[in-house]
Amino acid sequence: MSHPLLCWDIVLEGRSRREEFSQDLFYLNKFERSSYWKFSPGRTLDNALIWENKTILITNTQQEIVFATKNMIRMNGYLPKEVLGKTPKLFQGPATEPGSRELIRTAIAAIQPFTCTILNYRKDGSLYNCSIEGFPVVNESGKLVHYVAIEEEGNL
């Protein structure tokens, strides 16, 4: 016998997600302030996270992941702490298209924004399409400090 869904179940789930968003936004703002980001990609990261429910990854200039939003686990099964210090190649595998990899690699080398969809692997080995909006972030003196990827799962 199943129990009816109680309104508190809905309230608690919403509260938990708001706490996740709040923590993620705190760290995103901390990155922006501590690295003196000069940030104007045409959209805000808080809108991408809260209103569009997209996953945000930040890498350093060596492409090592230094931040990932908590909602990443719903997209690919990884906890943020499991990907820190690794490169996004962690999500790629034999079925990942070489053309998508080359597009990303070329854009990063040229310090240019990019948009693409790439076939990635979840933690359990299953495949998913990952739509990525990637862009470099420079500080106030114009020095490259991070790359940001706004990601969402697409249809296979």
C-alpha atoms as a PDB file:
ATOM      1  CA  MET A   1       0.000   0.000   0.000  1.00  0.00           C
ATOM      2  CA  SER A   2       1.402   3.371  -0.934  1.00  0.00           C
ATOM      3  CA  HIS A   3       0.859   6.498   1.040  1.00  0.00           C
ATOM      4  CA  PRO A   4      -0.521   9.679  -0.462  1.00  0.00           C
ATOM      5  CA  LEU A   5       1.916  12.431  -1.323  1.00  0.00           C
ATOM      6  CA  LEU A   6       1.841  14.934   1.468  1.00  0.00           C
ATOM      7  CA  CYS A   7       2.258  18.634   0.905  1.00  0.00           C
ATOM      8  CA  TRP A   8       5.320  18.552   3.175  1.00  0.00           C
ATOM      9  CA  ASP A   9       6.991  16.167   0.734  1.00  0.00           C
ATOM     10  CA  ILE A  10       6.687  18.823  -1.952  1.00  0.00           C
ATOM     11  CA  VAL A  11       7.789  21.611   0.385  1.00  0.00           C
ATOM     12  CA  LEU A  12      10.855  19.698   1.553  1.00  0.00           C
ATOM     13  CA  GLU A  13      11.920  18.805  -1.987  1.00  0.00           C
ATOM     14  CA  GLY A  14      11.613  22.449  -3.035  1.00  0.00           C
ATOM     15  CA  ARG A  15      13.522  23.587   0.030  1.00  0.00           C
ATOM     16  CA  SER A  16      16.320  21.126  -0.668  1.00  0.00           C
ATOM     17  CA  ARG A  17      16.683  22.382  -4.254  1.00  0.00           C
ATOM     18  CA  ARG A  18      16.671  26.015  -3.088  1.00  0.00           C
ATOM     19  CA  GLU A  19      19.473  25.190  -0.635  1.00  0.00           C
ATOM     20  CA  GLU A  20      21.467  23.543  -3.440  1.00  0.00           C
ATOM     21  CA  PHE A  21      20.956  26.598  -5.668  1.00  0.00           C
ATOM     22  CA  SER A  22      21.909  28.916  -2.836  1.00  0.00           C
ATOM     23  CA  GLN A  23      25.154  27.049  -2.152  1.00  0.00           C
ATOM     24  CA  ASP A  24      26.009  26.863  -5.858  1.00  0.00           C
ATOM     25  CA  LEU A  25      25.334  30.579  -6.348  1.00  0.00           C
ATOM     26  CA  PHE A  26      27.479  31.408  -3.313  1.00  0.00           C
ATOM     27  CA  TYR A  27      30.451  29.562  -4.844  1.00  0.00           C
ATOM     28  CA  LEU A  28      29.843  30.976  -8.337  1.00  0.00           C
ATOM     29  CA  ASN A  29      29.878  34.489  -6.889  1.00  0.00           C
ATOM     30  CA  LYS A  30      32.996  33.643  -4.882  1.00  0.00           C
ATOM     31  CA  PHE A  31      34.794  32.580  -8.097  1.00  0.00           C
ATOM     32  CA  GLU A  32      33.698  35.761  -9.818  1.00  0.00           C
ATOM     33  CA  ARG A  33      34.936  37.995  -6.990  1.00  0.00           C
ATOM     34  CA  SER A  34      38.177  36.175  -6.170  1.00  0.00           C
ATOM     35  CA  SER A  35      39.305  35.975  -9.800  1.00  0.00           C
ATOM     36  CA  TYR A  36      38.058  39.459 -10.723  1.00  0.00           C
ATOM     37  CA  TRP A  37      35.986  38.099 -13.600  1.00  0.00           C
ATOM     38  CA  LYS A  38      35.029  40.504 -16.291  1.00  0.00           C
ATOM     39  CA  PHE A  39      31.942  38.567 -17.168  1.00  0.00           C
ATOM     40  CA  SER A  40      29.439  39.361 -19.869  1.00  0.00           C
ATOM     41  CA  PRO A  41      28.556  36.271 -21.913  1.00  0.00           C
ATOM     42  CA  GLY A  42      25.106  37.660 -22.697  1.00  0.00           C
ATOM     43  CA  ARG A  43      23.419  35.745 -19.903  1.00  0.00           C
ATOM     44  CA  THR A  44      23.871  35.243 -16.190  1.00  0.00           C
ATOM     45  CA  LEU A  45      24.928  32.021 -14.541  1.00  0.00           C
ATOM     46  CA  ASP A  46      22.250  32.320 -11.878  1.00  0.00           C
ATOM     47  CA  ASN A  47      19.528  32.386 -14.556  1.00  0.00           C
ATOM     48  CA  ALA A  48      21.043  29.351 -16.281  1.00  0.00           C
ATOM     49  CA  LEU A  49      21.105  27.470 -12.991  1.00  0.00           C
ATOM     50  CA  ILE A  50      17.837  28.502 -11.357  1.00  0.00           C
ATOM     51  CA  TRP A  51      15.421  29.213 -14.213  1.00  0.00           C
ATOM     52  CA  GLU A  52      16.814  26.906 -16.872  1.00  0.00           C
ATOM     53  CA  ASN A  53      18.056  24.179 -14.478  1.00  0.00           C
ATOM     54  CA  LYS A  54      21.317  23.798 -16.376  1.00  0.00           C
ATOM     55  CA  THR A  55      24.509  22.334 -14.994  1.00  0.00           C
ATOM     56  CA  ILE A  56      27.503  24.655 -14.718  1.00  0.00           C
ATOM     57  CA  LEU A  57      31.125  23.512 -14.784  1.00  0.00           C
ATOM     58  CA  ILE A  58      34.096  25.805 -14.276  1.00  0.00           C
ATOM     59  CA  THR A  59      37.589  24.751 -15.286  1.00  0.00           C
ATOM     60  CA  ASN A  60      40.917  26.425 -14.758  1.00  0.00           C
ATOM     61  CA  THR A  61      43.184  27.296 -17.667  1.00  0.00           C
ATOM     62  CA  GLN A  62      44.528  23.717 -17.711  1.00  0.00           C
ATOM     63  CA  GLN A  63      40.910  22.525 -18.172  1.00  0.00           C
ATOM     64  CA  GLU A  64      40.775  20.880 -14.736  1.00  0.00           C
ATOM     65  CA  ILE A  65      37.325  21.110 -13.184  1.00  0.00           C
ATOM     66  CA  VAL A  66      37.392  23.450 -10.190  1.00  0.00           C
ATOM     67  CA  PHE A  67      33.619  23.774  -9.671  1.00  0.00           C
ATOM     68  CA  ALA A  68      30.466  21.889 -10.641  1.00  0.00           C
ATOM     69  CA  THR A  69      26.891  22.583  -9.616  1.00  0.00           C
ATOM     70  CA  LYS A  70      25.156  20.018  -7.466  1.00  0.00           C
ATOM     71  CA  ASN A  71      22.483  19.314 -10.086  1.00  0.00           C
ATOM     72  CA  MET A  72      25.133  17.575 -12.203  1.00  0.00           C
ATOM     73  CA  ILE A  73      24.266  14.288 -10.481  1.00  0.00           C
ATOM     74  CA  ARG A  74      20.838  14.323 -12.164  1.00  0.00           C
ATOM     75  CA  MET A  75      22.458  14.680 -15.597  1.00  0.00           C
ATOM     76  CA  ASN A  76      25.345  12.212 -15.429  1.00  0.00           C
ATOM     77  CA  GLY A  77      25.416  10.530 -12.018  1.00  0.00           C
ATOM     78  CA  TYR A  78      28.567  12.234 -10.743  1.00  0.00           C
ATOM     79  CA  LEU A  79      28.768  14.190  -7.512  1.00  0.00           C
ATOM     80  CA  PRO A  80      30.665  17.466  -7.888  1.00  0.00           C
ATOM     81  CA  LYS A  81      33.420  16.272  -5.528  1.00  0.00           C
ATOM     82  CA  GLU A  82      34.039  13.255  -7.800  1.00  0.00           C
ATOM     83  CA  VAL A  83      34.972  15.432 -10.781  1.00  0.00           C
ATOM     84  CA  LEU A  84      37.056  18.141  -9.118  1.00  0.00           C
ATOM     85  CA  GLY A  85      40.624  18.142 -10.414  1.00  0.00           C
ATOM     86  CA  LYS A  86      39.682  16.053 -13.465  1.00  0.00           C
ATOM     87  CA  THR A  87      39.146  17.271 -17.022  1.00  0.00           C
ATOM     88  CA  PRO A  88      35.798  17.087 -18.833  1.00  0.00           C
ATOM     89  CA  LYS A  89      37.304  14.254 -20.893  1.00  0.00           C
ATOM     90  CA  LEU A  90      36.129  12.142 -17.948  1.00  0.00           C
ATOM     91  CA  PHE A  91      32.659  12.220 -19.541  1.00  0.00           C
ATOM     92  CA  GLN A  92      33.878  11.131 -22.990  1.00  0.00           C
ATOM     93  CA  GLY A  93      34.506   7.680 -24.408  1.00  0.00           C
ATOM     94  CA  PRO A  94      34.705   5.581 -27.575  1.00  0.00           C
ATOM     95  CA  ALA A  95      31.331   6.751 -28.941  1.00  0.00           C
ATOM     96  CA  THR A  96      32.128  10.461 -28.446  1.00  0.00           C
ATOM     97  CA  GLU A  97      32.402  12.032 -31.895  1.00  0.00           C
ATOM     98  CA  PRO A  98      35.900  13.229 -32.865  1.00  0.00           C
ATOM     99  CA  GLY A  99      34.357  16.262 -34.636  1.00  0.00           C
ATOM    100  CA  SER A 100      32.742  17.483 -31.400  1.00  0.00           C
ATOM    101  CA  ARG A 101      35.975  17.014 -29.497  1.00  0.00           C
ATOM    102  CA  GLU A 102      37.887  18.959 -32.165  1.00  0.00           C
ATOM    103  CA  LEU A 103      35.356  21.818 -32.142  1.00  0.00           C
ATOM    104  CA  ILE A 104      35.751  22.188 -28.363  1.00  0.00           C
ATOM    105  CA  ARG A 105      39.543  21.837 -28.462  1.00  0.00           C
ATOM    106  CA  THR A 106      39.863  24.441 -31.252  1.00  0.00           C
ATOM    107  CA  ALA A 107      37.605  26.959 -29.479  1.00  0.00           C
ATOM    108  CA  ILE A 108      39.467  26.578 -26.189  1.00  0.00           C
ATOM    109  CA  ALA A 109      42.853  26.975 -27.903  1.00  0.00           C
ATOM    110  CA  ALA A 110      41.597  30.144 -29.630  1.00  0.00           C
ATOM    111  CA  ILE A 111      40.018  31.426 -26.378  1.00  0.00           C
ATOM    112  CA  GLN A 112      36.647  31.645 -28.136  1.00  0.00           C
ATOM    113  CA  PRO A 113      33.113  30.769 -27.019  1.00  0.00           C
ATOM    114  CA  PHE A 114      31.485  27.680 -28.517  1.00  0.00           C
ATOM    115  CA  THR A 115      28.200  25.820 -28.636  1.00  0.00           C
ATOM    116  CA  CYS A 116      27.932  22.144 -29.433  1.00  0.00           C
ATOM    117  CA  THR A 117      26.252  18.886 -28.549  1.00  0.00           C
ATOM    118  CA  ILE A 118      28.531  16.014 -27.628  1.00  0.00           C
ATOM    119  CA  LEU A 119      27.839  12.363 -26.855  1.00  0.00           C
ATOM    120  CA  ASN A 120      28.983  11.811 -23.266  1.00  0.00           C
ATOM    121  CA  TYR A 121      29.000   8.939 -20.793  1.00  0.00           C
ATOM    122  CA  ARG A 122      27.282   8.864 -17.422  1.00  0.00           C
ATOM    123  CA  LYS A 123      28.978   7.415 -14.373  1.00  0.00           C
ATOM    124  CA  ASP A 124      27.113   4.128 -14.977  1.00  0.00           C
ATOM    125  CA  GLY A 125      28.449   3.960 -18.564  1.00  0.00           C
ATOM    126  CA  SER A 126      25.196   4.861 -20.334  1.00  0.00           C
ATOM    127  CA  LEU A 127      25.239   7.494 -23.067  1.00  0.00           C
ATOM    128  CA  TYR A 128      23.629  10.924 -23.132  1.00  0.00           C
ATOM    129  CA  ASN A 129      23.731  13.937 -25.421  1.00  0.00           C
ATOM    130  CA  CYS A 130      25.188  16.952 -23.663  1.00  0.00           C
ATOM    131  CA  SER A 131      24.449  20.393 -25.081  1.00  0.00           C
ATOM    132  CA  ILE A 132      27.223  22.785 -24.071  1.00  0.00           C
ATOM    133  CA  GLU A 133      27.592  26.550 -24.181  1.00  0.00           C
ATOM    134  CA  GLY A 134      31.236  27.150 -23.365  1.00  0.00           C
ATOM    135  CA  PHE A 135      33.088  30.400 -23.017  1.00  0.00           C
ATOM    136  CA  PRO A 136      36.359  31.748 -21.674  1.00  0.00           C
ATOM    137  CA  VAL A 137      36.342  34.108 -18.705  1.00  0.00           C
ATOM    138  CA  VAL A 138      38.964  36.797 -18.346  1.00  0.00           C
ATOM    139  CA  ASN A 139      39.786  38.993 -15.371  1.00  0.00           C
ATOM    140  CA  GLU A 140      39.792  42.783 -15.283  1.00  0.00           C
ATOM    141  CA  SER A 141      43.252  42.929 -16.866  1.00  0.00           C
ATOM    142  CA  GLY A 142      42.183  40.682 -19.757  1.00  0.00           C
ATOM    143  CA  LYS A 143      44.004  37.566 -18.563  1.00  0.00           C
ATOM    144  CA  LEU A 144      42.263  34.221 -19.106  1.00  0.00           C
ATOM    145  CA  VAL A 145      41.345  32.773 -15.701  1.00  0.00           C
ATOM    146  CA  HIS A 146      38.616  30.144 -16.272  1.00  0.00           C
ATOM    147  CA  TYR A 147      36.392  28.436 -18.781  1.00  0.00           C
ATOM    148  CA  VAL A 148      32.699  28.093 -18.032  1.00  0.00           C
ATOM    149  CA  ALA A 149      30.418  25.453 -19.520  1.00  0.00           C
ATOM    150  CA  ILE A 150      26.649  25.687 -19.213  1.00  0.00           C
ATOM    151  CA  GLU A 151      25.314  22.224 -19.929  1.00  0.00           C
ATOM    152  CA  GLU A 152      22.050  20.359 -20.264  1.00  0.00           C
ATOM    153  CA  GLU A 153      21.076  16.878 -21.283  1.00  0.00           C
ATOM    154  CA  GLY A 154      19.566  16.542 -24.737  1.00  0.00           C
ATOM    155  CA  ASN A 155      17.744  13.695 -26.457  1.00  0.00           C
ATOM    156  CA  LEU A 156      19.686  10.779 -27.910  1.00  0.00           C
END
